[in-house]
PDB file of N, CA and C in Angstrom:
ATOM      1  N   MET A   1       8.468   3.233 -30.201  1.00  0.00           N
ATOM      2  CA  MET A   1       8.572   3.334 -28.743  1.00  0.00           C
ATOM      3  C   MET A   1       7.715   2.972 -27.978  1.00  0.00           C
ATOM      4  N   VAL A   2       7.861   1.939 -26.738  1.00  0.00           N
ATOM      5  CA  VAL A   2       6.711   1.415 -25.893  1.00  0.00           C
ATOM      6  C   VAL A   2       7.203   2.655 -24.568  1.00  0.00           C
ATOM      7  N   LYS A   3       6.616   2.824 -23.628  1.00  0.00           N
ATOM      8  CA  LYS A   3       6.311   3.918 -22.913  1.00  0.00           C
ATOM      9  C   LYS A   3       6.246   3.263 -21.596  1.00  0.00           C
ATOM     10  N   ARG A   4       6.897   2.703 -21.040  1.00  0.00           N
ATOM     11  CA  ARG A   4       6.885   2.324 -19.422  1.00  0.00           C
ATOM     12  C   ARG A   4       7.047   3.403 -18.290  1.00  0.00           C
ATOM     13  N   SER A   5       5.044   2.980 -17.618  1.00  0.00           N
ATOM     14  CA  SER A   5       5.153   3.702 -16.716  1.00  0.00           C
ATOM     15  C   SER A   5       5.940   3.352 -15.769  1.00  0.00           C
ATOM     16  N   VAL A   6       5.732   3.696 -14.405  1.00  0.00           N
ATOM     17  CA  VAL A   6       6.471   3.574 -13.274  1.00  0.00           C
ATOM     18  C   VAL A   6       5.277   3.688 -12.349  1.00  0.00           C
ATOM     19  N   ARG A   7       4.809   2.537 -11.644  1.00  0.00           N
ATOM     20  CA  ARG A   7       3.219   2.791 -11.027  1.00  0.00           C
ATOM     21  C   ARG A   7       3.788   3.104  -9.808  1.00  0.00           C
ATOM     22  N   PRO A   8       2.784   3.815  -9.284  1.00  0.00           N
ATOM     23  CA  PRO A   8       3.027   4.805  -7.682  1.00  0.00           C
ATOM     24  C   PRO A   8       3.542   3.595  -6.464  1.00  0.00           C
ATOM     25  N   VAL A   9       3.347   2.406  -6.526  1.00  0.00           N
ATOM     26  CA  VAL A   9       3.532   1.753  -5.227  1.00  0.00           C
ATOM     27  C   VAL A   9       5.025   1.685  -5.719  1.00  0.00           C
ATOM     28  N   HIS A  10       5.645   1.295  -6.722  1.00  0.00           N
ATOM     29  CA  HIS A  10       7.154   1.006  -7.020  1.00  0.00           C
ATOM     30  C   HIS A  10       7.491   1.840  -6.793  1.00  0.00           C
ATOM     31  N   MET A  11       7.357   3.330  -6.982  1.00  0.00           N
ATOM     32  CA  MET A  11       7.877   4.748  -6.480  1.00  0.00           C
ATOM     33  C   MET A  11       7.876   4.914  -4.793  1.00  0.00           C
ATOM     34  N   GLY A  12       6.877   3.813  -4.493  1.00  0.00           N
ATOM     35  CA  GLY A  12       6.940   4.585  -2.636  1.00  0.00           C
ATOM     36  C   GLY A  12       7.763   3.507  -2.614  1.00  0.00           C
ATOM     37  N   LEU A  13       7.443   1.801  -2.561  1.00  0.00           N
ATOM     38  CA  LEU A  13       8.965   1.533  -2.275  1.00  0.00           C
ATOM     39  C   LEU A  13      10.024   1.463  -2.342  1.00  0.00           C
ATOM     40  N   LEU A  14      10.442   2.496  -3.531  1.00  0.00           N
ATOM     41  CA  LEU A  14      12.061   2.424  -3.877  1.00  0.00           C
ATOM     42  C   LEU A  14      12.009   3.689  -2.980  1.00  0.00           C
ATOM     43  N   PHE A  15      11.585   4.798  -2.195  1.00  0.00           N
ATOM     44  CA  PHE A  15      11.709   5.706  -1.295  1.00  0.00           C
ATOM     45  C   PHE A  15      11.388   5.092  -0.372  1.00  0.00           C
ATOM     46  N   GLY A  16      10.551   4.402   0.308  1.00  0.00           N
ATOM     47  CA  GLY A  16      10.524   3.565   1.003  1.00  0.00           C
ATOM     48  C   GLY A  16      11.940   3.147   1.753  1.00  0.00           C
ATOM     49  N   ALA A  17      13.012   2.486   1.148  1.00  0.00           N
ATOM     50  CA  ALA A  17      13.788   1.549   1.206  1.00  0.00           C
ATOM     51  C   ALA A  17      14.814   2.793   1.493  1.00  0.00           C
ATOM     52  N   ILE A  18      14.532   4.148   0.427  1.00  0.00           N
ATOM     53  CA  ILE A  18      15.740   4.895   1.302  1.00  0.00           C
ATOM     54  C   ILE A  18      15.051   5.488   2.145  1.00  0.00           C
ATOM     55  N   GLY A  19      14.046   5.785   2.534  1.00  0.00           N
ATOM     56  CA  GLY A  19      14.372   6.041   4.194  1.00  0.00           C
ATOM     57  C   GLY A  19      15.000   5.323   5.114  1.00  0.00           C
ATOM     58  N   ILE A  20      14.458   3.605   4.728  1.00  0.00           N
ATOM     59  CA  ILE A  20      14.975   2.532   5.965  1.00  0.00           C
ATOM     60  C   ILE A  20      16.647   3.145   5.789  1.00  0.00           C
ATOM     61  N   LEU A  21      17.298   2.781   5.035  1.00  0.00           N
ATOM     62  CA  LEU A  21      18.762   3.442   4.579  1.00  0.00           C
ATOM     63  C   LEU A  21      19.001   4.286   5.493  1.00  0.00           C
ATOM     64  N   LEU A  22      18.425   5.393   5.416  1.00  0.00           N
ATOM     65  CA  LEU A  22      18.500   7.014   5.888  1.00  0.00           C
ATOM     66  C   LEU A  22      18.604   6.725   7.770  1.00  0.00           C
ATOM     67  N   THR A  23      17.275   5.948   7.731  1.00  0.00           N
ATOM     68  CA  THR A  23      16.836   5.813   9.201  1.00  0.00           C
ATOM     69  C   THR A  23      17.948   4.920  10.183  1.00  0.00           C
ATOM     70  N   ILE A  24      18.614   4.164   9.152  1.00  0.00           N
ATOM     71  CA  ILE A  24      19.584   2.450   9.824  1.00  0.00           C
ATOM     72  C   ILE A  24      21.137   3.808  10.022  1.00  0.00           C
ATOM     73  N   VAL A  25      21.352   4.327   8.584  1.00  0.00           N
ATOM     74  CA  VAL A  25      22.551   5.490   8.837  1.00  0.00           C
ATOM     75  C   VAL A  25      22.485   6.232  10.080  1.00  0.00           C
ATOM     76  N   GLY A  26      21.534   6.956  10.706  1.00  0.00           N
ATOM     77  CA  GLY A  26      21.414   7.738  11.654  1.00  0.00           C
ATOM     78  C   GLY A  26      21.472   6.740  13.072  1.00  0.00           C
ATOM     79  N   MET A  27      20.591   5.527  12.749  1.00  0.00           N
ATOM     80  CA  MET A  27      21.095   4.504  13.913  1.00  0.00           C
ATOM     81  C   MET A  27      22.366   4.831  14.049  1.00  0.00           C
ATOM     82  N   VAL A  28      23.971   4.140  13.174  1.00  0.00           N
ATOM     83  CA  VAL A  28      24.645   4.437  13.230  1.00  0.00           C
ATOM     84  C   VAL A  28      25.360   4.980  14.221  1.00  0.00           C
ATOM     85  N   ARG A  29      25.125   6.081  13.522  1.00  0.00           N
ATOM     86  CA  ARG A  29      25.861   7.619  14.338  1.00  0.00           C
ATOM     87  C   ARG A  29      25.460   8.030  15.359  1.00  0.00           C
ATOM     88  N   GLY A  30      24.818   6.879  16.077  1.00  0.00           N
ATOM     89  CA  GLY A  30      23.782   7.460  17.674  1.00  0.00           C
ATOM     90  C   GLY A  30      22.769   8.274  17.633  1.00  0.00           C
ATOM     91  N   VAL A  31      22.156   8.240  16.932  1.00  0.00           N
ATOM     92  CA  VAL A  31      21.546   9.068  16.995  1.00  0.00           C
ATOM     93  C   VAL A  31      19.978   9.026  17.437  1.00  0.00           C
ATOM     94  N   ALA A  32      19.382   7.745  17.962  1.00  0.00           N
ATOM     95  CA  ALA A  32      18.892   6.793  18.177  1.00  0.00           C
ATOM     96  C   ALA A  32      19.249   5.832  19.206  1.00  0.00           C
ATOM     97  N   PRO A  33      18.450   5.648  20.312  1.00  0.00           N
ATOM     98  CA  PRO A  33      19.294   4.599  20.916  1.00  0.00           C
ATOM     99  C   PRO A  33      18.348   3.376  20.266  1.00  0.00           C
ATOM    100  N   SER A  34      19.329   2.080  21.234  1.00  0.00           N
ATOM    101  CA  SER A  34      19.578   0.832  20.716  1.00  0.00           C
ATOM    102  C   SER A  34      18.679   0.099  21.147  1.00  0.00           C
ATOM    103  N   GLN A  35      17.507   0.030  21.814  1.00  0.00           N
ATOM    104  CA  GLN A  35      16.477  -0.984  22.114  1.00  0.00           C
ATOM    105  C   GLN A  35      16.107  -1.154  21.053  1.00  0.00           C
ATOM    106  N   PRO A  36      15.509  -2.195  20.872  1.00  0.00           N
ATOM    107  CA  PRO A  36      14.609  -3.124  19.830  1.00  0.00           C
ATOM    108  C   PRO A  36      13.828  -2.206  19.496  1.00  0.00           C
ATOM    109  N   LEU A  37      12.737  -1.947  20.137  1.00  0.00           N
ATOM    110  CA  LEU A  37      11.493  -1.108  20.257  1.00  0.00           C
ATOM    111  C   LEU A  37      11.849   0.192  19.374  1.00  0.00           C
ATOM    112  N   SER A  38      12.551   0.584  19.625  1.00  0.00           N
ATOM    113  CA  SER A  38      13.206   1.757  19.390  1.00  0.00           C
ATOM    114  C   SER A  38      13.664   2.078  17.872  1.00  0.00           C
ATOM    115  N   VAL A  39      14.752   0.693  17.793  1.00  0.00           N
ATOM    116  CA  VAL A  39      14.740   0.846  16.251  1.00  0.00           C
ATOM    117  C   VAL A  39      14.107   0.425  15.662  1.00  0.00           C
ATOM    118  N   ALA A  40      12.851  -0.583  15.309  1.00  0.00           N
ATOM    119  CA  ALA A  40      11.745  -1.266  14.844  1.00  0.00           C
ATOM    120  C   ALA A  40      10.581   0.017  14.788  1.00  0.00           C
ATOM    121  N   ILE A  41      10.091   0.908  15.929  1.00  0.00           N
ATOM    122  CA  ILE A  41      10.005   2.300  15.281  1.00  0.00           C
ATOM    123  C   ILE A  41      10.546   3.100  14.906  1.00  0.00           C
ATOM    124  N   ALA A  42      11.818   3.415  14.456  1.00  0.00           N
ATOM    125  CA  ALA A  42      12.269   4.378  13.354  1.00  0.00           C
ATOM    126  C   ALA A  42      12.812   3.914  12.050  1.00  0.00           C
ATOM    127  N   LEU A  43      12.574   2.693  12.613  1.00  0.00           N
ATOM    128  CA  LEU A  43      12.370   2.042  10.844  1.00  0.00           C
ATOM    129  C   LEU A  43      10.959   2.003  10.253  1.00  0.00           C
ATOM    130  N   VAL A  44      10.100   1.907  11.037  1.00  0.00           N
ATOM    131  CA  VAL A  44       8.822   1.923  10.517  1.00  0.00           C
ATOM    132  C   VAL A  44       8.376   3.691  10.220  1.00  0.00           C
ATOM    133  N   LEU A  45       8.643   4.105  10.931  1.00  0.00           N
ATOM    134  CA  LEU A  45       8.640   5.628  10.791  1.00  0.00           C
ATOM    135  C   LEU A  45       9.003   6.355   9.256  1.00  0.00           C
ATOM    136  N   GLY A  46      10.713   5.609   9.548  1.00  0.00           N
ATOM    137  CA  GLY A  46      11.629   6.470   8.322  1.00  0.00           C
ATOM    138  C   GLY A  46      10.834   5.520   6.997  1.00  0.00           C
ATOM    139  N   GLY A  47      10.523   4.488   7.256  1.00  0.00           N
ATOM    140  CA  GLY A  47       9.978   3.755   5.350  1.00  0.00           C
ATOM    141  C   GLY A  47       8.819   4.251   5.256  1.00  0.00           C
ATOM    142  N   GLY A  48       7.938   4.225   6.300  1.00  0.00           N
ATOM    143  CA  GLY A  48       6.361   4.314   6.612  1.00  0.00           C
ATOM    144  C   GLY A  48       6.468   5.792   5.595  1.00  0.00           C
ATOM    145  N   VAL A  49       6.670   6.829   6.179  1.00  0.00           N
ATOM    146  CA  VAL A  49       6.479   8.569   5.944  1.00  0.00           C
ATOM    147  C   VAL A  49       7.199   8.529   4.205  1.00  0.00           C
ATOM    148  N   TRP A  50       8.245   7.984   4.269  1.00  0.00           N
ATOM    149  CA  TRP A  50       9.209   8.130   2.958  1.00  0.00           C
ATOM    150  C   TRP A  50       8.018   7.539   1.655  1.00  0.00           C
ATOM    151  N   PHE A  51       7.159   5.819   2.141  1.00  0.00           N
ATOM    152  CA  PHE A  51       6.180   5.611   1.098  1.00  0.00           C
ATOM    153  C   PHE A  51       5.348   6.254   1.131  1.00  0.00           C
ATOM    154  N   LEU A  52       4.674   7.448   1.861  1.00  0.00           N
ATOM    155  CA  LEU A  52       3.483   6.936   1.719  1.00  0.00           C
ATOM    156  C   LEU A  52       3.001   8.387   0.940  1.00  0.00           C
ATOM    157  N   ILE A  53       4.411   9.097   1.294  1.00  0.00           N
ATOM    158  CA  ILE A  53       4.594  11.056   0.351  1.00  0.00           C
ATOM    159  C   ILE A  53       5.050  10.424  -0.668  1.00  0.00           C
ATOM    160  N   ALA A  54       5.869   9.357  -1.011  1.00  0.00           N
ATOM    161  CA  ALA A  54       6.030   9.202  -2.273  1.00  0.00           C
ATOM    162  C   ALA A  54       4.782   8.275  -3.534  1.00  0.00           C
ATOM    163  N   TRP A  55       4.095   7.662  -2.904  1.00  0.00           N
ATOM    164  CA  TRP A  55       3.278   7.501  -3.093  1.00  0.00           C
ATOM    165  C   TRP A  55       2.202   8.009  -3.665  1.00  0.00           C
ATOM    166  N   ALA A  56       1.758   9.079  -2.690  1.00  0.00           N
ATOM    167  CA  ALA A  56       0.638   9.853  -3.220  1.00  0.00           C
ATOM    168  C   ALA A  56       1.115  10.819  -3.886  1.00  0.00           C
ATOM    169  N   VAL A  57       2.821  11.496  -4.099  1.00  0.00           N
ATOM    170  CA  VAL A  57       2.849  12.227  -5.343  1.00  0.00           C
ATOM    171  C   VAL A  57       2.791  11.503  -6.638  1.00  0.00           C
ATOM    172  N   ALA A  58       3.399  10.505  -6.531  1.00  0.00           N
ATOM    173  CA  ALA A  58       3.279   9.456  -7.344  1.00  0.00           C
ATOM    174  C   ALA A  58       1.948   9.290  -8.219  1.00  0.00           C
ATOM    175  N   THR A  59       0.751   9.077  -7.139  1.00  0.00           N
ATOM    176  CA  THR A  59      -0.137   9.301  -7.987  1.00  0.00           C
ATOM    177  C   THR A  59      -1.262  10.326  -8.244  1.00  0.00           C
ATOM    178  N   ALA A  60      -0.585  10.973  -7.518  1.00  0.00           N
ATOM    179  CA  ALA A  60      -1.744  12.119  -7.973  1.00  0.00           C
ATOM    180  C   ALA A  60      -0.846  12.740  -9.820  1.00  0.00           C
ATOM    181  N   ALA A  61       0.420  12.502  -9.612  1.00  0.00           N
ATOM    182  CA  ALA A  61       0.932  12.867 -10.455  1.00  0.00           C
ATOM    183  C   ALA A  61       0.421  11.829 -11.920  1.00  0.00           C
ATOM    184  N   ARG A  62       0.393  10.993 -11.698  1.00  0.00           N
ATOM    185  CA  ARG A  62      -0.136   9.659 -12.627  1.00  0.00           C
ATOM    186  C   ARG A  62      -1.728  10.110 -12.885  1.00  0.00           C
ATOM    187  N   ASP A  63      -2.320  10.610 -11.680  1.00  0.00           N
ATOM    188  CA  ASP A  63      -3.628  11.037 -12.171  1.00  0.00           C
ATOM    189  C   ASP A  63      -3.887  11.912 -13.017  1.00  0.00           C
ATOM    190  N   VAL A  64      -2.664  13.530 -12.961  1.00  0.00           N
ATOM    191  CA  VAL A  64      -3.112  14.519 -12.980  1.00  0.00           C
ATOM    192  C   VAL A  64      -2.277  14.107 -14.664  1.00  0.00           C
ATOM    193  N   GLU A  65      -1.729  13.473 -15.322  1.00  0.00           N
ATOM    194  CA  GLU A  65      -1.581  12.726 -16.662  1.00  0.00           C
ATOM    195  C   GLU A  65      -2.424  12.128 -17.255  1.00  0.00           C
ATOM    196  N   HIS A  66      -3.294  10.927 -16.977  1.00  0.00           N
ATOM    197  CA  HIS A  66      -4.154  10.659 -17.463  1.00  0.00           C
ATOM    198  C   HIS A  66      -5.245  11.156 -17.931  1.00  0.00           C
ATOM    199  N   ASP A  67      -5.457  12.830 -16.810  1.00  0.00           N
ATOM    200  CA  ASP A  67      -6.680  13.680 -17.386  1.00  0.00           C
ATOM    201  C   ASP A  67      -6.500  14.496 -18.667  1.00  0.00           C
ATOM    202  N   VAL A  68      -4.716  14.795 -18.196  1.00  0.00           N
ATOM    203  CA  VAL A  68      -4.793  15.694 -19.400  1.00  0.00           C
ATOM    204  C   VAL A  68      -4.851  14.707 -21.039  1.00  0.00           C
ATOM    205  N   ALA A  69      -4.226  13.631 -20.347  1.00  0.00           N
ATOM    206  CA  ALA A  69      -4.445  12.983 -21.937  1.00  0.00           C
ATOM    207  C   ALA A  69      -5.523  12.880 -22.511  1.00  0.00           C
ATOM    208  N   ALA A  70      -6.780  12.368 -21.195  1.00  0.00           N
ATOM    209  CA  ALA A  70      -7.685  12.461 -21.580  1.00  0.00           C
ATOM    210  C   ALA A  70      -8.591  13.548 -22.435  1.00  0.00           C
ATOM    211  N   GLN A  71      -8.131  14.633 -21.805  1.00  0.00           N
ATOM    212  CA  GLN A  71      -8.576  16.036 -21.810  1.00  0.00           C
ATOM    213  C   GLN A  71      -7.955  16.536 -24.051  1.00  0.00           C
ATOM    214  N   ALA A  72      -6.754  15.890 -23.854  1.00  0.00           N
ATOM    215  CA  ALA A  72      -6.223  16.551 -25.358  1.00  0.00           C
ATOM    216  C   ALA A  72      -7.130  15.211 -26.379  1.00  0.00           C
ATOM    217  N   GLU A  73      -7.359  14.244 -25.885  1.00  0.00           N
ATOM    218  CA  GLU A  73      -7.697  13.304 -27.316  1.00  0.00           C
ATOM    219  C   GLU A  73      -9.466  14.071 -27.412  1.00  0.00           C
ATOM    220  N   THR A  74     -10.328  14.556 -26.284  1.00  0.00           N
ATOM    221  CA  THR A  74     -11.337  15.156 -26.668  1.00  0.00           C
ATOM    222  C   THR A  74     -11.355  16.392 -26.772  1.00  0.00           C
ATOM    223  N   ALA A  75     -10.266  16.705 -26.559  1.00  0.00           N
ATOM    224  CA  ALA A  75     -10.168  18.338 -27.688  1.00  0.00           C
ATOM    225  C   ALA A  75      -9.642  18.018 -29.372  1.00  0.00           C
ATOM    226  N   SER A  76      -9.426  16.947 -29.392  1.00  0.00           N
ATOM    227  CA  SER A  76      -8.688  16.174 -30.590  1.00  0.00           C
ATOM    228  C   SER A  76      -9.724  15.740 -31.522  1.00  0.00           C
ATOM    229  N   ASP A  77     -10.703  15.047 -30.951  1.00  0.00           N
ATOM    230  CA  ASP A  77     -11.902  14.660 -31.486  1.00  0.00           C
ATOM    231  C   ASP A  77     -12.711  15.554 -31.947  1.00  0.00           C
ATOM    232  N   GLY A  78     -12.843  16.728 -30.865  1.00  0.00           N
ATOM    233  CA  GLY A  78     -13.870  18.080 -31.232  1.00  0.00           C
ATOM    234  C   GLY A  78     -13.303  18.490 -32.835  1.00  0.00           C
ATOM    235  N   VAL A  79     -11.966  18.856 -33.086  1.00  0.00           N
ATOM    236  CA  VAL A  79     -11.094  19.182 -33.985  1.00  0.00           C
ATOM    237  C   VAL A  79     -11.890  18.771 -35.201  1.00  0.00           C
ATOM    238  N   GLN A  80     -11.873  17.046 -34.767  1.00  0.00           N
ATOM    239  CA  GLN A  80     -11.784  16.829 -36.289  1.00  0.00           C
ATOM    240  C   GLN A  80     -13.162  16.429 -37.004  1.00  0.00           C
ATOM    241  N   ALA A  81     -14.378  16.136 -36.039  1.00  0.00           N
ATOM    242  CA  ALA A  81     -15.644  16.340 -35.969  1.00  0.00           C
ATOM    243  C   ALA A  81     -15.816  17.560 -36.778  1.00  0.00           C
ATOM    244  N   GLU A  82     -15.432  18.794 -36.733  1.00  0.00           N
ATOM    245  CA  GLU A  82     -15.653  20.130 -37.155  1.00  0.00           C
ATOM    246  C   GLU A  82     -15.313  20.011 -38.852  1.00  0.00           C
ATOM    247  N   LYS A  83     -13.972  19.116 -38.801  1.00  0.00           N
ATOM    248  CA  LYS A  83     -14.051  19.368 -40.341  1.00  0.00           C
ATOM    249  C   LYS A  83     -14.419  18.830 -41.604  1.00  0.00           C
TER     250      LYS A  83
END
């Protein structure tokens, strides 16, 4: 079975798009002013913050998984060497 990992950038883009969608929903409901600069800032902040947080969490999770796998491999090599 081939294990396909999700890259942190893809995860960030997905959540960034969700952040932009939620920002648009908020603007349609009348929460933000409708000036072009306000709309642009809201979209950049909404999508950018969600992207950054999702990317950071996915990167940390991937790094931990790699560290755990490397540690398990090292431990299993040590057990095999003793036999």
